[in-house]
Amino acid sequence: MVPNRREIANMQIICFLNFLGNLNKYRGVKGMTQLFYIQIHQMRRN
């Protein structure tokens, strides 16, 4: 069974949200928003 593009995208989003959640525990909201801002800029380039 090969995962389709939507499933892969959902997995990436879930992993990213988990990563942000873990980052929020250690660094707080400031680090999380900064990383999210960088991620948005990277998505705009592609």
Foldseek 3Di string as FASTA:
>chain_A
DDDDPVVVVVVVVVVVVVVLVVCCVPPNDVVSVVVVVVVVVVVVVD
